[in-house]
Amino acid sequence: MSSRREFITLLGGAVAWPLTARPQQHKMLRVGFVGMQPREAPHYKNFLRRMTELGYQESRNFIFDYIQTPNVEGYERNYRELAARKVDVFLAVGNEPALRAALSAADGKPIAFLAIDFDPLTKGYVANLSHPGGNVTGIFVRETELAAKRVEIAREAFPRATLVGIAFDTLSHEQGDAAAEAARKLGLEPRMVEVKGERGYAAAFGAMDNARGQPIIVPAGGLFLRDRAAIAQALLEHRIPSIAAFRENMEAGALISYGFDLMGLFYDIAGYVHRIAGGAKPSDMPIEQSPRFYMAVNLKTAASLGVSLSDVFIARANEVRE
């Protein structure tokens, strides 16, 4: 991961990247997507913003056919519904069940994915990253490597820690395994904390009550993004310092975040959709690995928890590096 760019900032900072607008005229394009967030979520708006920059206007030459599902069980039914609506390009974001459901419904039509919770190559969805083959392509984040990196950050931020909690659900267990292995290598005892939804967060994090002051790792995943406010509240109630995957979790009240730029990924995947709409074949479109990474600290949460981070750590979090 040495070739990646890292964006490191405190809460309230901002990172901008250049926008390249190429307005063109298009026939009506219907993009179908099933997700767990409200249609108005900022990530989806960023996708639509990029589509506008590329010359698409909703209801004129572009339809964003979105169906929200409360859980992964709804993917298969809703992607079949999108197929019945004759979408031109499918979007599949986040987890393996989303891509599996889109593949089942697409009947060979192109799919652009953001693979966050799984490795599309090792899972056999693509032949290789440079020439995927088949009807799928997109952007891949090596989330298991990032899970291990979050444990390293926990060790740096809390040098006296002897234990690290590792939150996971059914879709993020591979991240949990990677984090546990990294913890053992660093001399930390990994404590696995399984979460099963909003109603269970307080009980799940209660597993850390006899380890006050020890940090917990919060993985990337649709559940952890959707319920970030409830998760942050439960963490604060149990006074657990957390290192989360998503910046959005940190903004909701987690202590530290380290991971990829979710807003940027949705911006970037629009380029794949645009190229497919122009006639490019997914089988020939290389799968990219996101270059956008950052770390951020919520100083309000640090004060609330009584956490004193080292000056060196804060200095790192106040930098922006290319």
C-alpha atoms as a PDB file:
ATOM      1  CA  MET A   1       0.000   0.000   0.000  1.00  0.00           C
ATOM      2  CA  SER A   2       3.035   2.242  -0.184  1.00  0.00           C
ATOM      3  CA  SER A   3       1.884   3.734  -3.479  1.00  0.00           C
ATOM      4  CA  ARG A   4      -1.358   5.116  -2.111  1.00  0.00           C
ATOM      5  CA  ARG A   5      -1.980   8.756  -1.391  1.00  0.00           C
ATOM      6  CA  GLU A   6      -2.962   9.528   2.180  1.00  0.00           C
ATOM      7  CA  PHE A   7      -5.183  12.419   3.194  1.00  0.00           C
ATOM      8  CA  ILE A   8      -4.841  13.096   6.915  1.00  0.00           C
ATOM      9  CA  THR A   9      -6.873  15.837   8.561  1.00  0.00           C
ATOM     10  CA  LEU A  10      -8.693  16.927  11.702  1.00  0.00           C
ATOM     11  CA  LEU A  11     -12.476  17.105  11.786  1.00  0.00           C
ATOM     12  CA  GLY A  12     -13.453  20.289  10.040  1.00  0.00           C
ATOM     13  CA  GLY A  13     -10.655  20.087   7.491  1.00  0.00           C
ATOM     14  CA  ALA A  14     -11.350  19.498   3.832  1.00  0.00           C
ATOM     15  CA  VAL A  15      -9.580  17.932   0.895  1.00  0.00           C
ATOM     16  CA  ALA A  16     -10.463  18.810  -2.674  1.00  0.00           C
ATOM     17  CA  TRP A  17      -9.478  17.128  -5.903  1.00  0.00           C
ATOM     18  CA  PRO A  18      -9.661  18.484  -9.448  1.00  0.00           C
ATOM     19  CA  LEU A  19     -12.904  18.124 -11.353  1.00  0.00           C
ATOM     20  CA  THR A  20     -12.891  17.496 -15.066  1.00  0.00           C
ATOM     21  CA  ALA A  21     -16.182  18.337 -16.697  1.00  0.00           C
ATOM     22  CA  ARG A  22     -16.869  16.911 -20.108  1.00  0.00           C
ATOM     23  CA  PRO A  23     -20.495  17.759 -20.951  1.00  0.00           C
ATOM     24  CA  GLN A  24     -21.835  15.691 -23.801  1.00  0.00           C
ATOM     25  CA  GLN A  25     -25.179  14.730 -25.260  1.00  0.00           C
ATOM     26  CA  HIS A  26     -26.502  11.264 -24.471  1.00  0.00           C
ATOM     27  CA  LYS A  27     -29.548   9.139 -25.142  1.00  0.00           C
ATOM     28  CA  MET A  28     -31.613   8.225 -22.092  1.00  0.00           C
ATOM     29  CA  LEU A  29     -29.465   6.165 -19.730  1.00  0.00           C
ATOM     30  CA  ARG A  30     -31.073   4.174 -16.905  1.00  0.00           C
ATOM     31  CA  VAL A  31     -28.756   3.222 -14.030  1.00  0.00           C
ATOM     32  CA  GLY A  32     -30.113   0.781 -11.446  1.00  0.00           C
ATOM     33  CA  PHE A  33     -28.821   0.630  -7.890  1.00  0.00           C
ATOM     34  CA  VAL A  34     -29.946  -1.034  -4.648  1.00  0.00           C
ATOM     35  CA  GLY A  35     -28.488   0.373  -1.422  1.00  0.00           C
ATOM     36  CA  MET A  36     -29.065   0.659   2.314  1.00  0.00           C
ATOM     37  CA  GLN A  37     -28.852   4.455   2.629  1.00  0.00           C
ATOM     38  CA  PRO A  38     -31.616   7.003   1.877  1.00  0.00           C
ATOM     39  CA  ARG A  39     -31.610   8.233  -1.715  1.00  0.00           C
ATOM     40  CA  GLU A  40     -30.561  11.662  -0.418  1.00  0.00           C
ATOM     41  CA  ALA A  41     -27.340  10.310   1.156  1.00  0.00           C
ATOM     42  CA  PRO A  42     -24.320  12.523   0.381  1.00  0.00           C
ATOM     43  CA  HIS A  43     -22.480   9.620  -1.286  1.00  0.00           C
ATOM     44  CA  TYR A  44     -25.241   9.124  -3.813  1.00  0.00           C
ATOM     45  CA  LYS A  45     -25.430  12.858  -4.396  1.00  0.00           C
ATOM     46  CA  ASN A  46     -21.736  12.849  -5.199  1.00  0.00           C
ATOM     47  CA  PHE A  47     -22.333  10.163  -7.827  1.00  0.00           C
ATOM     48  CA  LEU A  48     -25.111  12.277  -9.328  1.00  0.00           C
ATOM     49  CA  ARG A  49     -22.915  15.382  -9.208  1.00  0.00           C
ATOM     50  CA  ARG A  50     -20.256  13.643 -11.263  1.00  0.00           C
ATOM     51  CA  MET A  51     -22.862  12.352 -13.706  1.00  0.00           C
ATOM     52  CA  THR A  52     -24.019  15.946 -14.173  1.00  0.00           C
ATOM     53  CA  GLU A  53     -20.436  17.039 -14.836  1.00  0.00           C
ATOM     54  CA  LEU A  54     -20.243  14.334 -17.497  1.00  0.00           C
ATOM     55  CA  GLY A  55     -23.286  15.751 -19.269  1.00  0.00           C
ATOM     56  CA  TYR A  56     -26.179  13.770 -17.792  1.00  0.00           C
ATOM     57  CA  GLN A  57     -29.342  15.450 -16.561  1.00  0.00           C
ATOM     58  CA  GLU A  58     -31.898  13.480 -14.610  1.00  0.00           C
ATOM     59  CA  SER A  59     -35.195  12.960 -16.435  1.00  0.00           C
ATOM     60  CA  ARG A  60     -33.723  14.373 -19.643  1.00  0.00           C
ATOM     61  CA  ASN A  61     -31.068  11.860 -20.655  1.00  0.00           C
ATOM     62  CA  PHE A  62     -30.491   9.982 -17.403  1.00  0.00           C
ATOM     63  CA  ILE A  63     -32.547   8.092 -14.812  1.00  0.00           C
ATOM     64  CA  PHE A  64     -31.070   7.090 -11.460  1.00  0.00           C
ATOM     65  CA  ASP A  65     -33.344   4.161 -10.614  1.00  0.00           C
ATOM     66  CA  TYR A  66     -32.682   3.634  -6.926  1.00  0.00           C
ATOM     67  CA  ILE A  67     -34.305   1.188  -4.513  1.00  0.00           C
ATOM     68  CA  GLN A  68     -33.496   1.333  -0.804  1.00  0.00           C
ATOM     69  CA  THR A  69     -33.360  -1.920   1.158  1.00  0.00           C
ATOM     70  CA  PRO A  70     -33.180  -2.206   4.963  1.00  0.00           C
ATOM     71  CA  ASN A  71     -30.957  -5.290   4.838  1.00  0.00           C
ATOM     72  CA  VAL A  72     -28.940  -7.559   2.557  1.00  0.00           C
ATOM     73  CA  GLU A  73     -31.883  -9.942   2.202  1.00  0.00           C
ATOM     74  CA  GLY A  74     -33.571  -7.339   0.005  1.00  0.00           C
ATOM     75  CA  TYR A  75     -30.831  -7.195  -2.633  1.00  0.00           C
ATOM     76  CA  GLU A  76     -31.944 -10.145  -4.722  1.00  0.00           C
ATOM     77  CA  ARG A  77     -35.618  -9.124  -4.937  1.00  0.00           C
ATOM     78  CA  ASN A  78     -34.835  -5.479  -5.666  1.00  0.00           C
ATOM     79  CA  TYR A  79     -32.205  -6.135  -8.312  1.00  0.00           C
ATOM     80  CA  ARG A  80     -34.730  -8.378 -10.065  1.00  0.00           C
ATOM     81  CA  GLU A  81     -37.161  -5.469  -9.940  1.00  0.00           C
ATOM     82  CA  LEU A  82     -34.545  -3.202 -11.542  1.00  0.00           C
ATOM     83  CA  ALA A  83     -33.947  -5.778 -14.263  1.00  0.00           C
ATOM     84  CA  ALA A  84     -37.671  -5.745 -15.007  1.00  0.00           C
ATOM     85  CA  ARG A  85     -37.446  -1.967 -15.429  1.00  0.00           C
ATOM     86  CA  LYS A  86     -34.872  -2.501 -18.212  1.00  0.00           C
ATOM     87  CA  VAL A  87     -31.941  -0.657 -16.671  1.00  0.00           C
ATOM     88  CA  ASP A  88     -28.883  -0.233 -18.893  1.00  0.00           C
ATOM     89  CA  VAL A  89     -26.158  -0.364 -16.216  1.00  0.00           C
ATOM     90  CA  PHE A  90     -26.308  -1.846 -12.730  1.00  0.00           C
ATOM     91  CA  LEU A  91     -24.428  -0.430  -9.738  1.00  0.00           C
ATOM     92  CA  ALA A  92     -23.405  -2.814  -6.942  1.00  0.00           C
ATOM     93  CA  VAL A  93     -21.772  -1.262  -3.904  1.00  0.00           C
ATOM     94  CA  GLY A  94     -20.160  -2.514  -0.737  1.00  0.00           C
ATOM     95  CA  ASN A  95     -20.710  -6.165  -0.052  1.00  0.00           C
ATOM     96  CA  GLU A  96     -20.599  -9.476  -1.867  1.00  0.00           C
ATOM     97  CA  PRO A  97     -24.373 -10.161  -1.637  1.00  0.00           C
ATOM     98  CA  ALA A  98     -25.021  -6.941  -3.575  1.00  0.00           C
ATOM     99  CA  LEU A  99     -22.780  -7.991  -6.459  1.00  0.00           C
ATOM    100  CA  ARG A 100     -24.066 -11.558  -6.377  1.00  0.00           C
ATOM    101  CA  ALA A 101     -27.665 -10.332  -6.590  1.00  0.00           C
ATOM    102  CA  ALA A 102     -26.855  -7.908  -9.409  1.00  0.00           C
ATOM    103  CA  LEU A 103     -25.118 -10.660 -11.381  1.00  0.00           C
ATOM    104  CA  SER A 104     -28.090 -12.960 -10.931  1.00  0.00           C
ATOM    105  CA  ALA A 105     -30.514 -10.338 -12.234  1.00  0.00           C
ATOM    106  CA  ALA A 106     -28.424  -8.580 -14.897  1.00  0.00           C
ATOM    107  CA  ASP A 107     -28.608 -11.340 -17.534  1.00  0.00           C
ATOM    108  CA  GLY A 108     -25.304 -10.203 -19.013  1.00  0.00           C
ATOM    109  CA  LYS A 109     -25.913  -6.461 -18.805  1.00  0.00           C
ATOM    110  CA  PRO A 110     -22.960  -4.415 -17.505  1.00  0.00           C
ATOM    111  CA  ILE A 111     -22.318  -3.967 -13.795  1.00  0.00           C
ATOM    112  CA  ALA A 112     -20.080  -1.332 -12.198  1.00  0.00           C
ATOM    113  CA  PHE A 113     -19.116  -2.163  -8.619  1.00  0.00           C
ATOM    114  CA  LEU A 114     -17.439  -0.692  -5.571  1.00  0.00           C
ATOM    115  CA  ALA A 115     -16.038  -3.775  -3.827  1.00  0.00           C
ATOM    116  CA  ILE A 116     -15.575  -2.773  -0.201  1.00  0.00           C
ATOM    117  CA  ASP A 117     -16.363  -5.776   1.989  1.00  0.00           C
ATOM    118  CA  PHE A 118     -14.759  -8.419  -0.244  1.00  0.00           C
ATOM    119  CA  ASP A 119     -12.033  -9.150  -2.788  1.00  0.00           C
ATOM    120  CA  PRO A 120     -13.637  -9.692  -6.232  1.00  0.00           C
ATOM    121  CA  LEU A 121     -10.547 -11.470  -7.533  1.00  0.00           C
ATOM    122  CA  THR A 122     -10.091 -14.062  -4.799  1.00  0.00           C
ATOM    123  CA  LYS A 123     -13.863 -14.601  -4.716  1.00  0.00           C
ATOM    124  CA  GLY A 124     -13.795 -15.451  -8.432  1.00  0.00           C
ATOM    125  CA  TYR A 125     -15.992 -12.657  -9.795  1.00  0.00           C
ATOM    126  CA  VAL A 126     -13.281 -11.440 -12.177  1.00  0.00           C
ATOM    127  CA  ALA A 127     -10.501 -13.187 -14.095  1.00  0.00           C
ATOM    128  CA  ASN A 128      -7.891 -10.589 -13.145  1.00  0.00           C
ATOM    129  CA  LEU A 129      -7.738  -6.908 -12.260  1.00  0.00           C
ATOM    130  CA  SER A 130      -6.429  -5.672 -15.607  1.00  0.00           C
ATOM    131  CA  HIS A 131      -8.891  -7.612 -17.781  1.00  0.00           C
ATOM    132  CA  PRO A 132     -11.858  -8.627 -15.608  1.00  0.00           C
ATOM    133  CA  GLY A 133     -13.714 -10.625 -18.265  1.00  0.00           C
ATOM    134  CA  GLY A 134     -17.458 -11.051 -18.098  1.00  0.00           C
ATOM    135  CA  ASN A 135     -19.817  -8.148 -17.480  1.00  0.00           C
ATOM    136  CA  VAL A 136     -18.421  -6.633 -14.256  1.00  0.00           C
ATOM    137  CA  THR A 137     -15.757  -4.046 -13.470  1.00  0.00           C
ATOM    138  CA  GLY A 138     -15.216  -1.218 -11.026  1.00  0.00           C
ATOM    139  CA  ILE A 139     -13.178  -0.139  -8.018  1.00  0.00           C
ATOM    140  CA  PHE A 140     -11.724  -2.389  -5.328  1.00  0.00           C
ATOM    141  CA  VAL A 141     -10.605  -1.426  -1.820  1.00  0.00           C
ATOM    142  CA  ARG A 142      -8.254  -3.803   0.018  1.00  0.00           C
ATOM    143  CA  GLU A 143     -10.191  -3.491   3.230  1.00  0.00           C
ATOM    144  CA  THR A 144      -8.459  -6.330   5.094  1.00  0.00           C
ATOM    145  CA  GLU A 145      -5.154  -4.458   4.801  1.00  0.00           C
ATOM    146  CA  LEU A 146      -6.813  -1.313   6.114  1.00  0.00           C
ATOM    147  CA  ALA A 147      -8.300  -3.268   9.032  1.00  0.00           C
ATOM    148  CA  ALA A 148      -4.784  -4.274  10.058  1.00  0.00           C
ATOM    149  CA  LYS A 149      -3.603  -0.679   9.682  1.00  0.00           C
ATOM    150  CA  ARG A 150      -6.334   0.514  12.071  1.00  0.00           C
ATOM    151  CA  VAL A 151      -4.917  -1.785  14.730  1.00  0.00           C
ATOM    152  CA  GLU A 152      -1.494  -0.199  14.206  1.00  0.00           C
ATOM    153  CA  ILE A 153      -3.107   3.222  14.666  1.00  0.00           C
ATOM    154  CA  ALA A 154      -4.786   1.995  17.862  1.00  0.00           C
ATOM    155  CA  ARG A 155      -1.403   0.851  19.164  1.00  0.00           C
ATOM    156  CA  GLU A 156       0.157   4.224  18.331  1.00  0.00           C
ATOM    157  CA  ALA A 157      -2.685   6.280  19.803  1.00  0.00           C
ATOM    158  CA  PHE A 158      -2.941   4.122  22.957  1.00  0.00           C
ATOM    159  CA  PRO A 159       0.575   2.850  23.677  1.00  0.00           C
ATOM    160  CA  ARG A 160      -0.464   1.459  27.087  1.00  0.00           C
ATOM    161  CA  ALA A 161      -3.302  -0.630  25.674  1.00  0.00           C
ATOM    162  CA  THR A 162      -3.147  -4.367  26.288  1.00  0.00           C
ATOM    163  CA  LEU A 163      -6.378  -5.271  24.511  1.00  0.00           C
ATOM    164  CA  VAL A 164      -8.226  -4.118  21.409  1.00  0.00           C
ATOM    165  CA  GLY A 165     -11.883  -4.711  20.675  1.00  0.00           C
ATOM    166  CA  ILE A 166     -12.736  -5.719  17.118  1.00  0.00           C
ATOM    167  CA  ALA A 167     -16.308  -5.098  16.028  1.00  0.00           C
ATOM    168  CA  PHE A 168     -17.691  -7.129  13.129  1.00  0.00           C
ATOM    169  CA  ASP A 169     -20.887  -8.399  11.555  1.00  0.00           C
ATOM    170  CA  THR A 170     -21.601 -11.265   9.159  1.00  0.00           C
ATOM    171  CA  LEU A 171     -20.325  -9.263   6.167  1.00  0.00           C
ATOM    172  CA  SER A 172     -17.153  -7.888   7.769  1.00  0.00           C
ATOM    173  CA  HIS A 173     -15.802 -11.003   9.471  1.00  0.00           C
ATOM    174  CA  GLU A 174     -12.789 -11.111   7.121  1.00  0.00           C
ATOM    175  CA  GLN A 175     -11.840  -7.609   8.249  1.00  0.00           C
ATOM    176  CA  GLY A 176     -12.237  -8.839  11.828  1.00  0.00           C
ATOM    177  CA  ASP A 177      -9.921 -11.787  11.207  1.00  0.00           C
ATOM    178  CA  ALA A 178      -7.271  -9.501   9.666  1.00  0.00           C
ATOM    179  CA  ALA A 179      -7.517  -7.069  12.580  1.00  0.00           C
ATOM    180  CA  ALA A 180      -7.231  -9.903  15.120  1.00  0.00           C
ATOM    181  CA  GLU A 181      -4.097 -11.243  13.439  1.00  0.00           C
ATOM    182  CA  ALA A 182      -2.544  -7.763  13.406  1.00  0.00           C
ATOM    183  CA  ALA A 183      -3.400  -7.298  17.088  1.00  0.00           C
ATOM    184  CA  ARG A 184      -1.659 -10.511  18.095  1.00  0.00           C
ATOM    185  CA  LYS A 185       1.457  -9.515  16.150  1.00  0.00           C
ATOM    186  CA  LEU A 186       1.539  -6.239  18.082  1.00  0.00           C
ATOM    187  CA  GLY A 187       1.130  -7.947  21.437  1.00  0.00           C
ATOM    188  CA  LEU A 188      -2.505  -6.918  21.882  1.00  0.00           C
ATOM    189  CA  GLU A 189      -5.245  -9.283  22.965  1.00  0.00           C
ATOM    190  CA  PRO A 190      -8.029  -9.199  20.331  1.00  0.00           C
ATOM    191  CA  ARG A 191     -11.559  -9.203  21.741  1.00  0.00           C
ATOM    192  CA  MET A 192     -14.133 -10.010  19.062  1.00  0.00           C
ATOM    193  CA  VAL A 193     -17.350  -7.996  19.401  1.00  0.00           C
ATOM    194  CA  GLU A 194     -20.159  -9.146  17.120  1.00  0.00           C
ATOM    195  CA  VAL A 195     -22.892  -6.615  16.353  1.00  0.00           C
ATOM    196  CA  LYS A 196     -26.285  -7.512  14.922  1.00  0.00           C
ATOM    197  CA  GLY A 197     -28.066  -4.228  14.300  1.00  0.00           C
ATOM    198  CA  GLU A 198     -29.170  -1.004  15.916  1.00  0.00           C
ATOM    199  CA  ARG A 199     -31.068  -2.584  18.811  1.00  0.00           C
ATOM    200  CA  GLY A 200     -28.044  -4.628  19.820  1.00  0.00           C
ATOM    201  CA  TYR A 201     -25.249  -2.056  19.844  1.00  0.00           C
ATOM    202  CA  ALA A 202     -25.416  -1.219  23.548  1.00  0.00           C
ATOM    203  CA  ALA A 203     -25.355  -4.898  24.505  1.00  0.00           C
ATOM    204  CA  ALA A 204     -22.594  -5.715  22.023  1.00  0.00           C
ATOM    205  CA  PHE A 205     -20.287  -2.966  23.222  1.00  0.00           C
ATOM    206  CA  GLY A 206     -20.970  -4.025  26.798  1.00  0.00           C
ATOM    207  CA  ALA A 207     -18.392  -6.736  26.088  1.00  0.00           C
ATOM    208  CA  MET A 208     -15.798  -3.975  26.597  1.00  0.00           C
ATOM    209  CA  ASP A 209     -17.081  -2.847  29.997  1.00  0.00           C
ATOM    210  CA  ASN A 210     -14.378  -4.707  31.899  1.00  0.00           C
ATOM    211  CA  ALA A 211     -11.709  -3.189  29.653  1.00  0.00           C
ATOM    212  CA  ARG A 212     -12.376   0.511  30.138  1.00  0.00           C
ATOM    213  CA  GLY A 213     -10.093   2.787  28.163  1.00  0.00           C
ATOM    214  CA  GLN A 214      -9.094   0.057  25.714  1.00  0.00           C
ATOM    215  CA  PRO A 215      -9.790   0.938  22.042  1.00  0.00           C
ATOM    216  CA  ILE A 216     -12.110  -0.791  19.594  1.00  0.00           C
ATOM    217  CA  ILE A 217     -11.882  -1.127  15.801  1.00  0.00           C
ATOM    218  CA  VAL A 218     -15.050  -0.403  13.786  1.00  0.00           C
ATOM    219  CA  PRO A 219     -14.929  -1.908  10.270  1.00  0.00           C
ATOM    220  CA  ALA A 220     -16.157  -0.791   6.885  1.00  0.00           C
ATOM    221  CA  GLY A 221     -19.631  -2.053   6.072  1.00  0.00           C
ATOM    222  CA  GLY A 222     -23.133  -0.932   5.178  1.00  0.00           C
ATOM    223  CA  LEU A 223     -24.488  -1.584   8.668  1.00  0.00           C
ATOM    224  CA  PHE A 224     -21.733   0.463  10.316  1.00  0.00           C
ATOM    225  CA  LEU A 225     -22.291   3.350   7.912  1.00  0.00           C
ATOM    226  CA  ARG A 226     -26.082   3.343   8.072  1.00  0.00           C
ATOM    227  CA  ASP A 227     -26.225   3.148  11.876  1.00  0.00           C
ATOM    228  CA  ARG A 228     -23.211   5.370  12.557  1.00  0.00           C
ATOM    229  CA  ALA A 229     -25.128   7.726  14.877  1.00  0.00           C
ATOM    230  CA  ALA A 230     -26.436   4.861  17.029  1.00  0.00           C
ATOM    231  CA  ILE A 231     -22.987   3.238  17.065  1.00  0.00           C
ATOM    232  CA  ALA A 232     -21.282   6.473  18.108  1.00  0.00           C
ATOM    233  CA  GLN A 233     -23.826   7.009  20.878  1.00  0.00           C
ATOM    234  CA  ALA A 234     -23.340   3.484  22.230  1.00  0.00           C
ATOM    235  CA  LEU A 235     -19.556   3.870  22.125  1.00  0.00           C
ATOM    236  CA  LEU A 236     -19.733   7.149  24.016  1.00  0.00           C
ATOM    237  CA  GLU A 237     -22.113   5.698  26.603  1.00  0.00           C
ATOM    238  CA  HIS A 238     -19.659   2.863  27.244  1.00  0.00           C
ATOM    239  CA  ARG A 239     -16.748   5.347  27.061  1.00  0.00           C
ATOM    240  CA  ILE A 240     -14.905   3.333  24.416  1.00  0.00           C
ATOM    241  CA  PRO A 241     -12.368   5.105  22.177  1.00  0.00           C
ATOM    242  CA  SER A 242     -12.822   3.887  18.611  1.00  0.00           C
ATOM    243  CA  ILE A 243     -10.904   3.737  15.357  1.00  0.00           C
ATOM    244  CA  ALA A 244     -13.449   3.505  12.528  1.00  0.00           C
ATOM    245  CA  ALA A 245     -13.189   2.851   8.815  1.00  0.00           C
ATOM    246  CA  PHE A 246     -15.435   5.658   7.628  1.00  0.00           C
ATOM    247  CA  ARG A 247     -14.900   9.373   8.085  1.00  0.00           C
ATOM    248  CA  GLU A 248     -18.673   9.550   8.480  1.00  0.00           C
ATOM    249  CA  ASN A 249     -18.420   7.471  11.673  1.00  0.00           C
ATOM    250  CA  MET A 250     -15.864   9.908  13.065  1.00  0.00           C
ATOM    251  CA  GLU A 251     -18.118  12.831  12.184  1.00  0.00           C
ATOM    252  CA  ALA A 252     -20.966  11.071  14.025  1.00  0.00           C
ATOM    253  CA  GLY A 253     -18.826  10.739  17.168  1.00  0.00           C
ATOM    254  CA  ALA A 254     -16.209   8.007  16.766  1.00  0.00           C
ATOM    255  CA  LEU A 255     -12.788   9.133  17.992  1.00  0.00           C
ATOM    256  CA  ILE A 256     -10.571   8.387  14.973  1.00  0.00           C
ATOM    257  CA  SER A 257     -11.193   7.297  11.408  1.00  0.00           C
ATOM    258  CA  TYR A 258      -8.766   5.803   8.951  1.00  0.00           C
ATOM    259  CA  GLY A 259      -9.823   4.506   5.570  1.00  0.00           C
ATOM    260  CA  PHE A 260     -10.782   5.282   2.026  1.00  0.00           C
ATOM    261  CA  ASP A 261     -12.729   8.300   0.827  1.00  0.00           C
ATOM    262  CA  LEU A 262     -16.269   6.975   0.356  1.00  0.00           C
ATOM    263  CA  MET A 263     -17.457  10.223  -1.197  1.00  0.00           C
ATOM    264  CA  GLY A 264     -14.602  10.043  -3.677  1.00  0.00           C
ATOM    265  CA  LEU A 265     -15.391   6.445  -4.599  1.00  0.00           C
ATOM    266  CA  PHE A 266     -18.958   7.305  -5.552  1.00  0.00           C
ATOM    267  CA  TYR A 267     -17.604  10.220  -7.571  1.00  0.00           C
ATOM    268  CA  ASP A 268     -15.121   7.960  -9.346  1.00  0.00           C
ATOM    269  CA  ILE A 269     -17.534   5.118 -10.151  1.00  0.00           C
ATOM    270  CA  ALA A 270     -19.591   7.531 -12.249  1.00  0.00           C
ATOM    271  CA  GLY A 271     -16.690   7.518 -14.709  1.00  0.00           C
ATOM    272  CA  TYR A 272     -17.115   3.770 -15.181  1.00  0.00           C
ATOM    273  CA  VAL A 273     -20.823   4.192 -15.832  1.00  0.00           C
ATOM    274  CA  HIS A 274     -20.090   6.936 -18.348  1.00  0.00           C
ATOM    275  CA  ARG A 275     -17.563   4.819 -20.241  1.00  0.00           C
ATOM    276  CA  ILE A 276     -19.906   1.822 -20.308  1.00  0.00           C
ATOM    277  CA  ALA A 277     -22.709   4.031 -21.610  1.00  0.00           C
ATOM    278  CA  GLY A 278     -20.324   5.115 -24.365  1.00  0.00           C
ATOM    279  CA  GLY A 279     -19.802   1.526 -25.479  1.00  0.00           C
ATOM    280  CA  ALA A 280     -16.840   0.313 -23.407  1.00  0.00           C
ATOM    281  CA  LYS A 281     -16.987  -3.348 -22.394  1.00  0.00           C
ATOM    282  CA  PRO A 282     -16.571  -4.144 -18.680  1.00  0.00           C
ATOM    283  CA  SER A 283     -14.461  -7.161 -19.626  1.00  0.00           C
ATOM    284  CA  ASP A 284     -11.788  -4.811 -21.007  1.00  0.00           C
ATOM    285  CA  MET A 285     -11.960  -2.104 -18.323  1.00  0.00           C
ATOM    286  CA  PRO A 286      -9.241  -2.509 -15.649  1.00  0.00           C
ATOM    287  CA  ILE A 287     -10.377  -2.630 -12.053  1.00  0.00           C
ATOM    288  CA  GLU A 288      -8.925   0.296 -10.132  1.00  0.00           C
ATOM    289  CA  GLN A 289      -7.799   0.331  -6.514  1.00  0.00           C
ATOM    290  CA  SER A 290      -8.762   3.488  -4.694  1.00  0.00           C
ATOM    291  CA  PRO A 291      -5.888   5.958  -4.173  1.00  0.00           C
ATOM    292  CA  ARG A 292      -7.868   8.093  -1.712  1.00  0.00           C
ATOM    293  CA  PHE A 293      -7.074   7.442   1.976  1.00  0.00           C
ATOM    294  CA  TYR A 294      -7.157   9.696   5.016  1.00  0.00           C
ATOM    295  CA  MET A 295      -7.066   9.817   8.803  1.00  0.00           C
ATOM    296  CA  ALA A 296      -9.145  12.150  10.925  1.00  0.00           C
ATOM    297  CA  VAL A 297      -9.656  12.817  14.649  1.00  0.00           C
ATOM    298  CA  ASN A 298     -12.774  14.067  16.427  1.00  0.00           C
ATOM    299  CA  LEU A 299     -11.367  16.372  19.107  1.00  0.00           C
ATOM    300  CA  LYS A 300     -14.795  16.853  20.703  1.00  0.00           C
ATOM    301  CA  THR A 301     -15.048  13.110  21.299  1.00  0.00           C
ATOM    302  CA  ALA A 302     -11.495  13.046  22.652  1.00  0.00           C
ATOM    303  CA  ALA A 303     -12.443  15.719  25.199  1.00  0.00           C
ATOM    304  CA  SER A 304     -15.666  13.915  26.111  1.00  0.00           C
ATOM    305  CA  LEU A 305     -13.803  10.649  26.734  1.00  0.00           C
ATOM    306  CA  GLY A 306     -10.939  12.349  28.524  1.00  0.00           C
ATOM    307  CA  VAL A 307      -8.531  10.926  25.962  1.00  0.00           C
ATOM    308  CA  SER A 308      -5.174  12.653  25.644  1.00  0.00           C
ATOM    309  CA  LEU A 309      -3.583  11.828  22.309  1.00  0.00           C
ATOM    310  CA  SER A 310       0.128  12.408  21.899  1.00  0.00           C
ATOM    311  CA  ASP A 311       1.359  15.633  20.318  1.00  0.00           C
ATOM    312  CA  VAL A 312       3.046  13.581  17.608  1.00  0.00           C
ATOM    313  CA  PHE A 313      -0.196  11.808  16.788  1.00  0.00           C
ATOM    314  CA  ILE A 314      -2.134  15.075  16.623  1.00  0.00           C
ATOM    315  CA  ALA A 315       0.581  16.602  14.436  1.00  0.00           C
ATOM    316  CA  ARG A 316       0.223  13.704  11.981  1.00  0.00           C
ATOM    317  CA  ALA A 317      -3.538  14.180  11.941  1.00  0.00           C
ATOM    318  CA  ASN A 318      -3.067  17.838  11.100  1.00  0.00           C
ATOM    319  CA  GLU A 319      -1.094  17.115   7.954  1.00  0.00           C
ATOM    320  CA  VAL A 320      -2.157  16.558   4.385  1.00  0.00           C
ATOM    321  CA  ARG A 321       0.250  14.400   2.418  1.00  0.00           C
ATOM    322  CA  GLU A 322       0.297  13.402  -1.250  1.00  0.00           C
END
